[in-house]
Amino acid sequence: NLACSLLFIAEVIIKLFGLGIDFFGDHFNLADLVLACLTVIEFFASGEATLGALRTARLLRFLKLLGTSCSIRVLLRACRNIVVPTYNFTVLVTFLAYTFTLLGLQLFFPQDGTETDTALNFDSLPSAAITVFALIVGQDWSSHMVQMLGRQGGNS
């Protein structure tokens, strides 16, 4: 880690002297400078590398290469355009799952205060949320439905 850190710091220093004031015009150069400064501060403060996130943040530097290829830019633009609809869909599904969790608590919550021995149940809000998730993804939903209806005295 020390050798990689020293090479990284040397690269930033060489770029700083080579580019001069233009060094500060690129956001990636500023990110490299911040990472190099934090690495030096971390090394002198603790004597060892304790922040592993700094090492992984250096790996993100390959994003600079993505801007050079036209086909990769088109792909990244398409990914960027799909983020908002995906976010909206995720919020909608989360809202519906929460609604069905509350509905399941209203319909299947044990009135006598007894705990159930089944893995999926509606005894509390967290277990009801896990049950609704299992039912949404279709994990053996029919047997769980039969168990819950049998527990409520319904037809099985």
Protein backbone atom coordinates (compact mmCIF):
# COMPACT_ATOMS: atom_id res chain seq x y z
CA ASN A 1 0.00 0.00 0.00
CA LEU A 2 2.86 2.37 0.79
CA ALA A 3 4.44 1.88 -2.65
CA CYS A 4 1.14 2.46 -4.44
CA SER A 5 0.45 5.52 -2.30
CA LEU A 6 3.87 6.98 -3.08
CA LEU A 7 3.39 6.36 -6.83
CA PHE A 8 -0.03 7.97 -6.68
CA ILE A 9 1.31 11.02 -4.83
CA ALA A 10 4.22 11.30 -7.26
CA GLU A 11 1.81 11.21 -10.19
CA VAL A 12 -0.26 14.02 -8.69
CA ILE A 13 2.85 16.14 -8.06
CA ILE A 14 4.14 15.59 -11.60
CA LYS A 15 0.73 16.50 -13.06
CA LEU A 16 0.56 19.57 -10.82
CA PHE A 17 3.92 20.88 -11.99
CA GLY A 18 3.38 19.78 -15.61
CA LEU A 19 -0.06 21.29 -16.10
CA GLY A 20 0.38 24.32 -13.87
CA ILE A 21 -2.82 26.27 -13.31
CA ASP A 22 -4.68 24.07 -15.83
CA PHE A 23 -4.42 21.25 -13.28
CA PHE A 24 -7.28 22.80 -11.31
CA GLY A 25 -9.59 22.95 -14.35
CA ASP A 26 -10.25 19.21 -14.36
CA HIS A 27 -12.46 17.72 -11.65
CA PHE A 28 -10.65 14.39 -11.80
CA ASN A 29 -7.35 16.13 -11.06
CA LEU A 30 -8.92 17.82 -8.04
CA ALA A 31 -10.23 14.47 -6.83
CA ASP A 32 -6.73 12.99 -7.24
CA LEU A 33 -5.24 15.91 -5.28
CA VAL A 34 -7.74 15.47 -2.43
CA LEU A 35 -7.04 11.73 -2.31
CA ALA A 36 -3.29 12.34 -2.27
CA CYS A 37 -3.60 14.90 0.55
CA LEU A 38 -5.84 12.60 2.58
CA THR A 39 -3.37 9.74 2.08
CA VAL A 40 -0.51 11.88 3.41
CA ILE A 41 -2.59 13.09 6.37
CA GLU A 42 -3.67 9.54 7.15
CA PHE A 43 -0.12 8.23 6.96
CA PHE A 44 1.29 10.86 9.31
CA ALA A 45 -1.66 10.82 11.69
CA SER A 46 -1.76 7.09 12.37
CA GLY A 47 1.41 5.72 10.85
CA GLU A 48 -0.53 3.03 8.98
CA ALA A 49 -3.25 2.93 6.40
CA THR A 50 -6.52 2.57 8.25
CA LEU A 51 -8.91 4.07 5.74
CA GLY A 52 -9.36 1.40 3.10
CA ALA A 53 -11.88 3.56 1.31
CA LEU A 54 -9.07 5.77 0.07
CA ARG A 55 -7.53 2.85 -1.77
CA THR A 56 -10.82 1.94 -3.39
CA ALA A 57 -11.52 5.56 -4.33
CA ARG A 58 -8.35 5.48 -6.43
CA LEU A 59 -9.88 2.68 -8.49
CA LEU A 60 -12.62 5.06 -9.59
CA ARG A 61 -10.05 6.95 -11.62
CA PHE A 62 -10.75 4.65 -14.56
CA LEU A 63 -13.91 6.71 -15.09
CA LYS A 64 -11.69 9.25 -16.83
CA LEU A 65 -11.19 6.73 -19.61
CA LEU A 66 -14.91 6.31 -20.16
CA GLY A 67 -15.26 9.81 -21.57
CA THR A 68 -12.88 9.12 -24.45
CA SER A 69 -14.90 6.44 -26.28
CA CYS A 70 -17.99 7.50 -28.23
CA SER A 71 -19.76 4.16 -27.86
CA ILE A 72 -19.20 4.12 -24.11
CA ARG A 73 -20.56 7.67 -23.85
CA VAL A 74 -23.73 6.57 -25.66
CA LEU A 75 -24.09 3.63 -23.28
CA LEU A 76 -23.56 5.87 -20.23
CA ARG A 77 -26.10 8.36 -21.55
CA ALA A 78 -28.66 5.57 -21.93
CA CYS A 79 -27.92 4.38 -18.37
CA ARG A 80 -28.33 7.93 -17.08
CA ASN A 81 -31.68 8.28 -18.84
CA ILE A 82 -33.03 5.10 -17.23
CA VAL A 83 -32.15 6.06 -13.64
CA VAL A 84 -35.17 8.32 -13.01
CA PRO A 85 -37.81 5.86 -14.25
CA THR A 86 -36.13 3.09 -12.26
CA TYR A 87 -36.18 5.26 -9.15
CA ASN A 88 -39.89 6.01 -9.65
CA PHE A 89 -40.67 2.32 -10.10
CA THR A 90 -38.70 1.43 -6.96
CA VAL A 91 -40.58 4.02 -4.90
CA LEU A 92 -43.90 2.72 -6.22
CA VAL A 93 -43.06 -0.92 -5.44
CA THR A 94 -41.82 0.04 -1.96
CA PHE A 95 -45.03 1.97 -1.29
CA LEU A 96 -47.16 -0.97 -2.44
CA ALA A 97 -45.13 -3.44 -0.35
CA TYR A 98 -45.59 -1.22 2.71
CA THR A 99 -49.33 -0.98 2.01
CA PHE A 100 -49.64 -4.77 1.75
CA THR A 101 -47.55 -5.15 4.91
CA LEU A 102 -50.04 -3.01 6.83
CA LEU A 103 -52.95 -4.85 5.23
CA GLY A 104 -51.42 -8.19 6.24
CA LEU A 105 -50.98 -6.96 9.80
CA GLN A 106 -54.65 -5.96 9.89
CA LEU A 107 -55.88 -9.27 8.47
CA PHE A 108 -53.49 -11.83 9.94
CA PHE A 109 -52.14 -10.35 13.18
CA PRO A 110 -52.74 -12.86 16.01
CA GLN A 111 -55.42 -11.37 18.27
CA ASP A 112 -54.68 -13.66 21.20
CA GLY A 113 -51.04 -12.56 21.49
CA THR A 114 -49.57 -15.96 20.63
CA GLU A 115 -46.39 -16.24 18.61
CA THR A 116 -46.48 -18.36 15.48
CA ASP A 117 -43.99 -21.06 14.71
CA THR A 118 -43.87 -20.43 10.97
CA ALA A 119 -40.95 -18.64 9.37
CA LEU A 120 -43.14 -16.15 7.57
CA ASN A 121 -45.78 -14.48 9.70
CA PHE A 122 -47.51 -11.21 10.46
CA ASP A 123 -46.66 -11.04 14.17
CA SER A 124 -44.73 -7.75 13.90
CA LEU A 125 -44.02 -5.08 11.32
CA PRO A 126 -40.52 -6.37 10.41
CA SER A 127 -41.67 -9.98 10.05
CA ALA A 128 -44.71 -8.83 8.07
CA ALA A 129 -42.42 -6.88 5.71
CA ILE A 130 -40.27 -9.98 5.19
CA THR A 131 -43.40 -12.05 4.58
CA VAL A 132 -44.73 -9.60 1.99
CA PHE A 133 -41.34 -9.56 0.25
CA ALA A 134 -41.32 -13.37 0.10
CA LEU A 135 -44.84 -13.36 -1.30
CA ILE A 136 -44.00 -10.70 -3.91
CA VAL A 137 -41.03 -12.65 -5.24
CA GLY A 138 -43.18 -15.79 -5.26
CA GLN A 139 -41.22 -17.90 -2.82
CA ASP A 140 -43.57 -20.84 -2.11
CA TRP A 141 -46.49 -18.45 -1.69
CA SER A 142 -49.24 -21.04 -1.91
CA SER A 143 -48.07 -23.07 1.10
CA HIS A 144 -47.64 -19.88 3.16
CA MET A 145 -51.14 -18.77 2.20
CA VAL A 146 -52.56 -22.12 3.32
CA GLN A 147 -50.68 -21.88 6.63
CA MET A 148 -51.96 -18.37 7.31
CA LEU A 149 -55.54 -19.19 6.38
CA GLY A 150 -55.43 -22.34 8.49
CA ARG A 151 -54.17 -20.33 11.44
CA GLN A 152 -57.09 -17.90 11.06
CA GLY A 153 -59.61 -20.75 10.85
CA GLY A 154 -60.26 -20.35 7.12
CA ASN A 155 -60.62 -23.05 4.53
CA SER A 156 -57.41 -24.83 3.61
